[in-house]
Amino acid sequence: MDDEELRSLTHRLAEEAGESAAYRALLATEDDEELAGVLVEHERPLWAREIAAFRLGCAGDRRAFEPLVLLLNHRDPERCVSAAHALTRLADPRTPRAAAALATNPLRTAYALHPVRLLAALHAPESAPALVTTLSRLLGPDEPNWRVALACVEGLGALGDATARPVLEAALPRPRLADAAREALSRLGEG
């Protein structure tokens, strides 16, 4: 267990789990079936499901996909970070579509930061269109979700997709986005 993200997760969940025997057992087990059982057993606490999903996802076990997507959409940002990390390691082909659905859902915009960052990291065909769609919605004056907009701008720059040029140009007049938009535009391919 030398993975830095796993150490962060275990430290974060230790208090929530009360450092119980069940907590220690989930961290120690090497049995994927035991971990998968945690995902479907009734009345398991969220911390237990998170540990099981994270460990299975990082091991490439696709049974973790749906629980990880639910955690990616959680209101606790730390849970989202851990889920995004595990989803990246899982490399399930459904991940880009799920992240795009979360990022573009106008009812969940306040929780879209980590799905947006995941899309940028995945460099999938769904990534640029989802980021363009989300950013387009967030360019109004006094947008409260400007951090999500900024993540979209940065992600589009990292992707270097020339189809993002119009929305990045539209972001230039926004003070919180201007520098990142200029940087992103400089990284775009020829369009």
Foldseek 3Di string as FASTA:
>chain_A
DPDPLLVVLLVVCCVVVVVDPLSVCLVPDPDLVVLLVLCPDPPRDPSSVLSSLLVCLLVLNCSSVVVLLVQCLDPDVSSVVSSLVSPVNNPDPCLLVSLLCQCLPPVSVLSNQSSLLSLLVVLDPSNLVSLLNNLVVQLDPPRPSVSSNQSSLQSLLSSQAPVSLVSLVSNCVPVVNNVSSVSSVVRHDDD
